[in-house]
Amino acid sequence: MSVSVARVPTASASRYLQQLAKHWSHKMTVAFTAEEATIDFPNGARLVMRADIDTLDVALTVPEGEDVANMRGVVERHLDRFAFREAPLTFDWK
């Protein structure tokens, strides 16, 4: 398993977290509140998000053999779509 984490600066973290969780709930297993979300992808990857006042913390776990860069890109593109007023968001993946 590969774990990537990023702290994304935004004052709208809760809104973006909830929008993304609702968007993906039609295709994936999703559990969320206004402050936290867990999204399980069909390929075994898992996205965990936590909203704070001025940041969205993102943790992406990707199974061995899956394309980590591609999964990071999927998360970034979807969040940027909801954050169109301030996109592109800054992801400092580690």
PDB file of N, CA and C in Angstrom:
ATOM      1  N   MET A   1       0.835  -1.181   0.000  1.00  0.00           N
ATOM      2  CA  MET A   1       0.000   0.000   0.000  1.00  0.00           C
ATOM      3  C   MET A   1       0.879   1.243   0.000  1.00  0.00           C
ATOM      4  N   SER A   2       0.449   2.218  -0.769  1.00  0.00           N
ATOM      5  CA  SER A   2       1.130   3.505  -0.821  1.00  0.00           C
ATOM      6  C   SER A   2       0.194   4.555  -0.253  1.00  0.00           C
ATOM      7  N   VAL A   3       0.681   5.357   0.679  1.00  0.00           N
ATOM      8  CA  VAL A   3      -0.138   6.397   1.290  1.00  0.00           C
ATOM      9  C   VAL A   3       0.414   7.759   0.898  1.00  0.00           C
ATOM     10  N   SER A   4      -0.450   8.586   0.326  1.00  0.00           N
ATOM     11  CA  SER A   4      -0.104   9.965  -0.032  1.00  0.00           C
ATOM     12  C   SER A   4      -0.971  10.880   0.804  1.00  0.00           C
ATOM     13  N   VAL A   5      -0.362  11.917   1.371  1.00  0.00           N
ATOM     14  CA  VAL A   5      -1.125  12.894   2.150  1.00  0.00           C
ATOM     15  C   VAL A   5      -0.854  14.295   1.616  1.00  0.00           C
ATOM     16  N   ALA A   6      -1.878  15.137   1.736  1.00  0.00           N
ATOM     17  CA  ALA A   6      -1.733  16.526   1.310  1.00  0.00           C
ATOM     18  C   ALA A   6      -2.580  17.409   2.211  1.00  0.00           C
ATOM     19  N   ARG A   7      -2.087  18.603   2.463  1.00  0.00           N
ATOM     20  CA  ARG A   7      -2.841  19.628   3.185  1.00  0.00           C
ATOM     21  C   ARG A   7      -3.145  20.710   2.158  1.00  0.00           C
ATOM     22  N   VAL A   8      -4.438  20.865   1.863  1.00  0.00           N
ATOM     23  CA  VAL A   8      -4.889  21.778   0.814  1.00  0.00           C
ATOM     24  C   VAL A   8      -5.455  23.038   1.460  1.00  0.00           C
ATOM     25  N   PRO A   9      -4.822  24.193   1.233  1.00  0.00           N
ATOM     26  CA  PRO A   9      -5.348  25.422   1.822  1.00  0.00           C
ATOM     27  C   PRO A   9      -6.636  25.878   1.122  1.00  0.00           C
ATOM     28  N   THR A  10      -7.706  26.026   1.903  1.00  0.00           N
ATOM     29  CA  THR A  10      -8.973  26.538   1.403  1.00  0.00           C
ATOM     30  C   THR A  10      -9.891  26.850   2.579  1.00  0.00           C
ATOM     31  N   ALA A  11     -10.638  27.921   2.470  1.00  0.00           N
ATOM     32  CA  ALA A  11     -11.610  28.277   3.503  1.00  0.00           C
ATOM     33  C   ALA A  11     -12.933  27.543   3.286  1.00  0.00           C
ATOM     34  N   SER A  12     -13.030  26.776   2.202  1.00  0.00           N
ATOM     35  CA  SER A  12     -14.271  26.062   1.866  1.00  0.00           C
ATOM     36  C   SER A  12     -14.104  24.551   1.960  1.00  0.00           C
ATOM     37  N   ALA A  13     -13.255  24.099   2.842  1.00  0.00           N
ATOM     38  CA  ALA A  13     -12.921  22.675   2.931  1.00  0.00           C
ATOM     39  C   ALA A  13     -14.151  21.802   3.162  1.00  0.00           C
ATOM     40  N   SER A  14     -14.992  22.176   4.094  1.00  0.00           N
ATOM     41  CA  SER A  14     -16.171  21.365   4.393  1.00  0.00           C
ATOM     42  C   SER A  14     -17.099  21.266   3.188  1.00  0.00           C
ATOM     43  N   ARG A  15     -17.301  22.352   2.513  1.00  0.00           N
ATOM     44  CA  ARG A  15     -18.174  22.343   1.340  1.00  0.00           C
ATOM     45  C   ARG A  15     -17.625  21.423   0.258  1.00  0.00           C
ATOM     46  N   TYR A  16     -16.329  21.508  -0.044  1.00  0.00           N
ATOM     47  CA  TYR A  16     -15.737  20.669  -1.078  1.00  0.00           C
ATOM     48  C   TYR A  16     -15.757  19.196  -0.677  1.00  0.00           C
ATOM     49  N   LEU A  17     -15.467  18.915   0.588  1.00  0.00           N
ATOM     50  CA  LEU A  17     -15.499  17.552   1.094  1.00  0.00           C
ATOM     51  C   LEU A  17     -16.884  16.948   0.876  1.00  0.00           C
ATOM     52  N   GLN A  18     -17.921  17.679   1.260  1.00  0.00           N
ATOM     53  CA  GLN A  18     -19.283  17.167   1.135  1.00  0.00           C
ATOM     54  C   GLN A  18     -19.715  17.025  -0.328  1.00  0.00           C
ATOM     55  N   GLN A  19     -19.334  17.968  -1.155  1.00  0.00           N
ATOM     56  CA  GLN A  19     -19.691  17.882  -2.572  1.00  0.00           C
ATOM     57  C   GLN A  19     -19.052  16.658  -3.219  1.00  0.00           C
ATOM     58  N   LEU A  20     -17.773  16.434  -2.943  1.00  0.00           N
ATOM     59  CA  LEU A  20     -17.082  15.294  -3.533  1.00  0.00           C
ATOM     60  C   LEU A  20     -17.665  13.986  -3.004  1.00  0.00           C
ATOM     61  N   ALA A  21     -17.935  13.926  -1.714  1.00  0.00           N
ATOM     62  CA  ALA A  21     -18.503  12.712  -1.129  1.00  0.00           C
ATOM     63  C   ALA A  21     -19.871  12.399  -1.744  1.00  0.00           C
ATOM     64  N   LYS A  22     -20.714  13.389  -1.879  1.00  0.00           N
ATOM     65  CA  LYS A  22     -22.031  13.171  -2.494  1.00  0.00           C
ATOM     66  C   LYS A  22     -21.889  12.757  -3.954  1.00  0.00           C
ATOM     67  N   HIS A  23     -20.973  13.391  -4.661  1.00  0.00           N
ATOM     68  CA  HIS A  23     -20.752  13.084  -6.075  1.00  0.00           C
ATOM     69  C   HIS A  23     -20.345  11.623  -6.266  1.00  0.00           C
ATOM     70  N   TRP A  24     -19.435  11.143  -5.434  1.00  0.00           N
ATOM     71  CA  TRP A  24     -18.936   9.786  -5.584  1.00  0.00           C
ATOM     72  C   TRP A  24     -19.804   8.744  -4.895  1.00  0.00           C
ATOM     73  N   SER A  25     -20.780   9.168  -4.081  1.00  0.00           N
ATOM     74  CA  SER A  25     -21.607   8.202  -3.360  1.00  0.00           C
ATOM     75  C   SER A  25     -22.489   7.376  -4.298  1.00  0.00           C
ATOM     76  N   HIS A  26     -22.656   7.820  -5.533  1.00  0.00           N
ATOM     77  CA  HIS A  26     -23.473   7.079  -6.496  1.00  0.00           C
ATOM     78  C   HIS A  26     -22.723   5.886  -7.089  1.00  0.00           C
ATOM     79  N   LYS A  27     -21.390   5.912  -6.982  1.00  0.00           N
ATOM     80  CA  LYS A  27     -20.582   4.859  -7.606  1.00  0.00           C
ATOM     81  C   LYS A  27     -19.713   4.087  -6.616  1.00  0.00           C
ATOM     82  N   MET A  28     -19.508   4.651  -5.418  1.00  0.00           N
ATOM     83  CA  MET A  28     -18.566   4.055  -4.474  1.00  0.00           C
ATOM     84  C   MET A  28     -19.166   4.021  -3.075  1.00  0.00           C
ATOM     85  N   THR A  29     -18.487   3.302  -2.196  1.00  0.00           N
ATOM     86  CA  THR A  29     -18.897   3.279  -0.797  1.00  0.00           C
ATOM     87  C   THR A  29     -18.353   4.545  -0.140  1.00  0.00           C
ATOM     88  N   VAL A  30     -19.271   5.360   0.411  1.00  0.00           N
ATOM     89  CA  VAL A  30     -18.905   6.661   0.967  1.00  0.00           C
ATOM     90  C   VAL A  30     -19.570   6.836   2.332  1.00  0.00           C
ATOM     91  N   ALA A  31     -18.821   7.362   3.283  1.00  0.00           N
ATOM     92  CA  ALA A  31     -19.358   7.767   4.589  1.00  0.00           C
ATOM     93  C   ALA A  31     -18.815   9.161   4.848  1.00  0.00           C
ATOM     94  N   PHE A  32     -19.710  10.093   5.236  1.00  0.00           N
ATOM     95  CA  PHE A  32     -19.209  11.449   5.470  1.00  0.00           C
ATOM     96  C   PHE A  32     -20.081  12.237   6.427  1.00  0.00           C
ATOM     97  N   THR A  33     -19.430  13.225   7.036  1.00  0.00           N
ATOM     98  CA  THR A  33     -20.073  14.266   7.826  1.00  0.00           C
ATOM     99  C   THR A  33     -19.560  15.579   7.250  1.00  0.00           C
ATOM    100  N   ALA A  34     -19.883  16.675   7.890  1.00  0.00           N
ATOM    101  CA  ALA A  34     -19.384  17.972   7.424  1.00  0.00           C
ATOM    102  C   ALA A  34     -17.875  18.106   7.630  1.00  0.00           C
ATOM    103  N   GLU A  35     -17.314  17.305   8.535  1.00  0.00           N
ATOM    104  CA  GLU A  35     -15.890  17.418   8.855  1.00  0.00           C
ATOM    105  C   GLU A  35     -15.025  16.292   8.326  1.00  0.00           C
ATOM    106  N   GLU A  36     -15.588  15.120   8.038  1.00  0.00           N
ATOM    107  CA  GLU A  36     -14.783  13.973   7.630  1.00  0.00           C
ATOM    108  C   GLU A  36     -15.500  13.169   6.551  1.00  0.00           C
ATOM    109  N   ALA A  37     -14.701  12.555   5.689  1.00  0.00           N
ATOM    110  CA  ALA A  37     -15.254  11.670   4.665  1.00  0.00           C
ATOM    111  C   ALA A  37     -14.292  10.527   4.403  1.00  0.00           C
ATOM    112  N   THR A  38     -14.856   9.362   4.118  1.00  0.00           N
ATOM    113  CA  THR A  38     -14.089   8.204   3.690  1.00  0.00           C
ATOM    114  C   THR A  38     -14.739   7.680   2.422  1.00  0.00           C
ATOM    115  N   ILE A  39     -13.925   7.511   1.390  1.00  0.00           N
ATOM    116  CA  ILE A  39     -14.414   7.048   0.091  1.00  0.00           C
ATOM    117  C   ILE A  39     -13.577   5.848  -0.322  1.00  0.00           C
ATOM    118  N   ASP A  40     -14.258   4.729  -0.564  1.00  0.00           N
ATOM    119  CA  ASP A  40     -13.589   3.503  -0.995  1.00  0.00           C
ATOM    120  C   ASP A  40     -13.800   3.323  -2.495  1.00  0.00           C
ATOM    121  N   PHE A  41     -12.695   3.270  -3.235  1.00  0.00           N
ATOM    122  CA  PHE A  41     -12.732   3.105  -4.679  1.00  0.00           C
ATOM    123  C   PHE A  41     -12.824   1.624  -5.039  1.00  0.00           C
ATOM    124  N   PRO A  42     -13.377   1.299  -6.201  1.00  0.00           N
ATOM    125  CA  PRO A  42     -13.488  -0.101  -6.624  1.00  0.00           C
ATOM    126  C   PRO A  42     -12.145  -0.821  -6.752  1.00  0.00           C
ATOM    127  N   ASN A  43     -11.064  -0.081  -7.013  1.00  0.00           N
ATOM    128  CA  ASN A  43      -9.747  -0.706  -7.178  1.00  0.00           C
ATOM    129  C   ASN A  43      -9.046  -0.973  -5.847  1.00  0.00           C
ATOM    130  N   GLY A  44      -9.738  -0.700  -4.732  1.00  0.00           N
ATOM    131  CA  GLY A  44      -9.151  -0.942  -3.416  1.00  0.00           C
ATOM    132  C   GLY A  44      -8.520   0.285  -2.787  1.00  0.00           C
ATOM    133  N   ALA A  45      -8.451   1.395  -3.517  1.00  0.00           N
ATOM    134  CA  ALA A  45      -7.908   2.640  -2.963  1.00  0.00           C
ATOM    135  C   ALA A  45      -8.927   3.239  -1.991  1.00  0.00           C
ATOM    136  N   ARG A  46      -8.425   4.044  -1.077  1.00  0.00           N
ATOM    137  CA  ARG A  46      -9.296   4.713  -0.104  1.00  0.00           C
ATOM    138  C   ARG A  46      -8.850   6.165   0.043  1.00  0.00           C
ATOM    139  N   LEU A  47      -9.821   7.062   0.042  1.00  0.00           N
ATOM    140  CA  LEU A  47      -9.577   8.484   0.252  1.00  0.00           C
ATOM    141  C   LEU A  47     -10.225   8.886   1.566  1.00  0.00           C
ATOM    142  N   VAL A  48      -9.445   9.500   2.449  1.00  0.00           N
ATOM    143  CA  VAL A  48      -9.961  10.025   3.710  1.00  0.00           C
ATOM    144  C   VAL A  48      -9.691  11.520   3.704  1.00  0.00           C
ATOM    145  N   MET A  49     -10.732  12.303   3.972  1.00  0.00           N
ATOM    146  CA  MET A  49     -10.601  13.765   4.000  1.00  0.00           C
ATOM    147  C   MET A  49     -11.078  14.291   5.344  1.00  0.00           C
ATOM    148  N   ARG A  50     -10.411  15.353   5.799  1.00  0.00           N
ATOM    149  CA  ARG A  50     -10.804  16.041   7.030  1.00  0.00           C
ATOM    150  C   ARG A  50     -10.792  17.541   6.767  1.00  0.00           C
ATOM    151  N   ALA A  51     -11.914  18.172   7.066  1.00  0.00           N
ATOM    152  CA  ALA A  51     -12.046  19.610   6.841  1.00  0.00           C
ATOM    153  C   ALA A  51     -11.758  20.371   8.128  1.00  0.00           C
ATOM    154  N   ASP A  52     -10.951  21.404   8.000  1.00  0.00           N
ATOM    155  CA  ASP A  52     -10.657  22.311   9.097  1.00  0.00           C
ATOM    156  C   ASP A  52     -11.097  23.702   8.650  1.00  0.00           C
ATOM    157  N   ILE A  53     -10.882  24.692   9.456  1.00  0.00           N
ATOM    158  CA  ILE A  53     -11.313  26.055   9.133  1.00  0.00           C
ATOM    159  C   ILE A  53     -10.653  26.564   7.861  1.00  0.00           C
ATOM    160  N   ASP A  54      -9.359  26.280   7.692  1.00  0.00           N
ATOM    161  CA  ASP A  54      -8.655  26.836   6.537  1.00  0.00           C
ATOM    162  C   ASP A  54      -7.879  25.814   5.713  1.00  0.00           C
ATOM    163  N   THR A  55      -8.115  24.506   5.979  1.00  0.00           N
ATOM    164  CA  THR A  55      -7.447  23.477   5.182  1.00  0.00           C
ATOM    165  C   THR A  55      -8.339  22.256   5.003  1.00  0.00           C
ATOM    166  N   LEU A  56      -8.057  21.541   3.927  1.00  0.00           N
ATOM    167  CA  LEU A  56      -8.654  20.233   3.697  1.00  0.00           C
ATOM    168  C   LEU A  56      -7.499  19.238   3.704  1.00  0.00           C
ATOM    169  N   ASP A  57      -7.490  18.345   4.683  1.00  0.00           N
ATOM    170  CA  ASP A  57      -6.456  17.321   4.762  1.00  0.00           C
ATOM    171  C   ASP A  57      -6.937  16.093   4.002  1.00  0.00           C
ATOM    172  N   VAL A  58      -6.077  15.585   3.139  1.00  0.00           N
ATOM    173  CA  VAL A  58      -6.417  14.483   2.262  1.00  0.00           C
ATOM    174  C   VAL A  58      -5.399  13.362   2.459  1.00  0.00           C
ATOM    175  N   ALA A  59      -5.883  12.133   2.661  1.00  0.00           N
ATOM    176  CA  ALA A  59      -5.014  10.961   2.751  1.00  0.00           C
ATOM    177  C   ALA A  59      -5.534   9.931   1.748  1.00  0.00           C
ATOM    178  N   LEU A  60      -4.683   9.567   0.812  1.00  0.00           N
ATOM    179  CA  LEU A  60      -5.043   8.643  -0.249  1.00  0.00           C
ATOM    180  C   LEU A  60      -4.195   7.386  -0.125  1.00  0.00           C
ATOM    181  N   THR A  61      -4.848   6.254   0.109  1.00  0.00           N
ATOM    182  CA  THR A  61      -4.161   4.971   0.200  1.00  0.00           C
ATOM    183  C   THR A  61      -4.444   4.199  -1.084  1.00  0.00           C
ATOM    184  N   VAL A  62      -3.375   3.800  -1.757  1.00  0.00           N
ATOM    185  CA  VAL A  62      -3.495   3.122  -3.049  1.00  0.00           C
ATOM    186  C   VAL A  62      -2.819   1.753  -2.942  1.00  0.00           C
ATOM    187  N   PRO A  63      -3.512   0.678  -3.353  1.00  0.00           N
ATOM    188  CA  PRO A  63      -2.910  -0.654  -3.276  1.00  0.00           C
ATOM    189  C   PRO A  63      -1.725  -0.806  -4.222  1.00  0.00           C
ATOM    190  N   GLU A  64      -0.852  -1.743  -3.874  1.00  0.00           N
ATOM    191  CA  GLU A  64       0.293  -2.056  -4.740  1.00  0.00           C
ATOM    192  C   GLU A  64      -0.217  -2.420  -6.133  1.00  0.00           C
ATOM    193  N   GLY A  65       0.500  -1.975  -7.136  1.00  0.00           N
ATOM    194  CA  GLY A  65       0.130  -2.279  -8.511  1.00  0.00           C
ATOM    195  C   GLY A  65      -0.794  -1.259  -9.153  1.00  0.00           C
ATOM    196  N   GLU A  66      -1.346  -0.361  -8.359  1.00  0.00           N
ATOM    197  CA  GLU A  66      -2.202   0.696  -8.900  1.00  0.00           C
ATOM    198  C   GLU A  66      -1.365   1.948  -9.135  1.00  0.00           C
ATOM    199  N   ASP A  67      -1.800   2.793 -10.040  1.00  0.00           N
ATOM    200  CA  ASP A  67      -1.073   4.001 -10.432  1.00  0.00           C
ATOM    201  C   ASP A  67      -1.350   5.133  -9.437  1.00  0.00           C
ATOM    202  N   VAL A  68      -0.394   5.394  -8.551  1.00  0.00           N
ATOM    203  CA  VAL A  68      -0.548   6.417  -7.513  1.00  0.00           C
ATOM    204  C   VAL A  68      -0.724   7.799  -8.132  1.00  0.00           C
ATOM    205  N   ALA A  69       0.087   8.143  -9.118  1.00  0.00           N
ATOM    206  CA  ALA A  69       0.005   9.464  -9.756  1.00  0.00           C
ATOM    207  C   ALA A  69      -1.368   9.677 -10.395  1.00  0.00           C
ATOM    208  N   ASN A  70      -1.891   8.637 -11.023  1.00  0.00           N
ATOM    209  CA  ASN A  70      -3.215   8.743 -11.639  1.00  0.00           C
ATOM    210  C   ASN A  70      -4.291   8.960 -10.581  1.00  0.00           C
ATOM    211  N   MET A  71      -4.226   8.228  -9.485  1.00  0.00           N
ATOM    212  CA  MET A  71      -5.223   8.377  -8.414  1.00  0.00           C
ATOM    213  C   MET A  71      -5.137   9.763  -7.774  1.00  0.00           C
ATOM    214  N   ARG A  72      -3.925  10.268  -7.587  1.00  0.00           N
ATOM    215  CA  ARG A  72      -3.781  11.641  -7.078  1.00  0.00           C
ATOM    216  C   ARG A  72      -4.450  12.620  -8.039  1.00  0.00           C
ATOM    217  N   GLY A  73      -4.225  12.428  -9.329  1.00  0.00           N
ATOM    218  CA  GLY A  73      -4.816  13.291 -10.348  1.00  0.00           C
ATOM    219  C   GLY A  73      -6.329  13.245 -10.340  1.00  0.00           C
ATOM    220  N   VAL A  74      -6.901  12.074 -10.144  1.00  0.00           N
ATOM    221  CA  VAL A  74      -8.358  11.938 -10.082  1.00  0.00           C
ATOM    222  C   VAL A  74      -8.904  12.775  -8.931  1.00  0.00           C
ATOM    223  N   VAL A  75      -8.278  12.672  -7.770  1.00  0.00           N
ATOM    224  CA  VAL A  75      -8.715  13.429  -6.595  1.00  0.00           C
ATOM    225  C   VAL A  75      -8.565  14.930  -6.859  1.00  0.00           C
ATOM    226  N   GLU A  76      -7.413  15.344  -7.370  1.00  0.00           N
ATOM    227  CA  GLU A  76      -7.166  16.765  -7.645  1.00  0.00           C
ATOM    228  C   GLU A  76      -8.178  17.336  -8.630  1.00  0.00           C
ATOM    229  N   ARG A  77      -8.391  16.641  -9.747  1.00  0.00           N
ATOM    230  CA  ARG A  77      -9.309  17.151 -10.781  1.00  0.00           C
ATOM    231  C   ARG A  77     -10.733  17.276 -10.258  1.00  0.00           C
ATOM    232  N   HIS A  78     -11.165  16.297  -9.476  1.00  0.00           N
ATOM    233  CA  HIS A  78     -12.533  16.362  -8.959  1.00  0.00           C
ATOM    234  C   HIS A  78     -12.689  17.487  -7.936  1.00  0.00           C
ATOM    235  N   LEU A  79     -11.722  17.632  -7.044  1.00  0.00           N
ATOM    236  CA  LEU A  79     -11.820  18.733  -6.074  1.00  0.00           C
ATOM    237  C   LEU A  79     -11.730  20.088  -6.769  1.00  0.00           C
ATOM    238  N   ASP A  80     -10.861  20.209  -7.768  1.00  0.00           N
ATOM    239  CA  ASP A  80     -10.757  21.465  -8.520  1.00  0.00           C
ATOM    240  C   ASP A  80     -12.073  21.804  -9.222  1.00  0.00           C
ATOM    241  N   ARG A  81     -12.781  20.795  -9.668  1.00  0.00           N
ATOM    242  CA  ARG A  81     -14.068  21.033 -10.327  1.00  0.00           C
ATOM    243  C   ARG A  81     -15.053  21.701  -9.367  1.00  0.00           C
ATOM    244  N   PHE A  82     -15.071  21.261  -8.108  1.00  0.00           N
ATOM    245  CA  PHE A  82     -15.966  21.862  -7.123  1.00  0.00           C
ATOM    246  C   PHE A  82     -15.432  23.198  -6.614  1.00  0.00           C
ATOM    247  N   ALA A  83     -14.137  23.398  -6.721  1.00  0.00           N
ATOM    248  CA  ALA A  83     -13.500  24.630  -6.251  1.00  0.00           C
ATOM    249  C   ALA A  83     -13.204  25.574  -7.411  1.00  0.00           C
ATOM    250  N   PHE A  84     -14.059  25.570  -8.417  1.00  0.00           N
ATOM    251  CA  PHE A  84     -13.759  26.322  -9.643  1.00  0.00           C
ATOM    252  C   PHE A  84     -13.469  27.793  -9.400  1.00  0.00           C
ATOM    253  N   ARG A  85     -14.021  28.380  -8.344  1.00  0.00           N
ATOM    254  CA  ARG A  85     -13.771  29.807  -8.075  1.00  0.00           C
ATOM    255  C   ARG A  85     -12.351  30.069  -7.595  1.00  0.00           C
ATOM    256  N   GLU A  86     -11.730  29.062  -6.988  1.00  0.00           N
ATOM    257  CA  GLU A  86     -10.361  29.248  -6.483  1.00  0.00           C
ATOM    258  C   GLU A  86      -9.373  28.237  -7.068  1.00  0.00           C
ATOM    259  N   ALA A  87      -9.817  27.461  -8.021  1.00  0.00           N
ATOM    260  CA  ALA A  87      -8.956  26.439  -8.640  1.00  0.00           C
ATOM    261  C   ALA A  87      -7.869  27.095  -9.474  1.00  0.00           C
ATOM    262  N   PRO A  88      -6.760  26.436  -9.624  1.00  0.00           N
ATOM    263  CA  PRO A  88      -6.477  25.107  -9.076  1.00  0.00           C
ATOM    264  C   PRO A  88      -6.054  25.196  -7.607  1.00  0.00           C
ATOM    265  N   LEU A  89      -6.524  24.218  -6.842  1.00  0.00           N
ATOM    266  CA  LEU A  89      -6.118  24.117  -5.452  1.00  0.00           C
ATOM    267  C   LEU A  89      -4.662  23.641  -5.400  1.00  0.00           C
ATOM    268  N   THR A  90      -4.005  23.904  -4.291  1.00  0.00           N
ATOM    269  CA  THR A  90      -2.612  23.507  -4.109  1.00  0.00           C
ATOM    270  C   THR A  90      -2.541  22.221  -3.302  1.00  0.00           C
ATOM    271  N   PHE A  91      -2.010  21.168  -3.911  1.00  0.00           N
ATOM    272  CA  PHE A  91      -1.830  19.871  -3.262  1.00  0.00           C
ATOM    273  C   PHE A  91      -0.342  19.665  -3.024  1.00  0.00           C
ATOM    274  N   ASP A  92       0.071  19.578  -1.769  1.00  0.00           N
ATOM    275  CA  ASP A  92       1.480  19.348  -1.438  1.00  0.00           C
ATOM    276  C   ASP A  92       1.679  17.872  -1.056  1.00  0.00           C
ATOM    277  N   TRP A  93       1.437  16.985  -2.028  1.00  0.00           N
ATOM    278  CA  TRP A  93       1.489  15.541  -1.771  1.00  0.00           C
ATOM    279  C   TRP A  93       2.831  15.122  -1.157  1.00  0.00           C
ATOM    280  N   LYS A  94       2.733  14.281  -0.162  1.00  0.00           N
ATOM    281  CA  LYS A  94       3.921  13.689   0.479  1.00  0.00           C
ATOM    282  C   LYS A  94       3.718  12.201   0.575  1.00  0.00           C
TER     283      LYS A  94
END
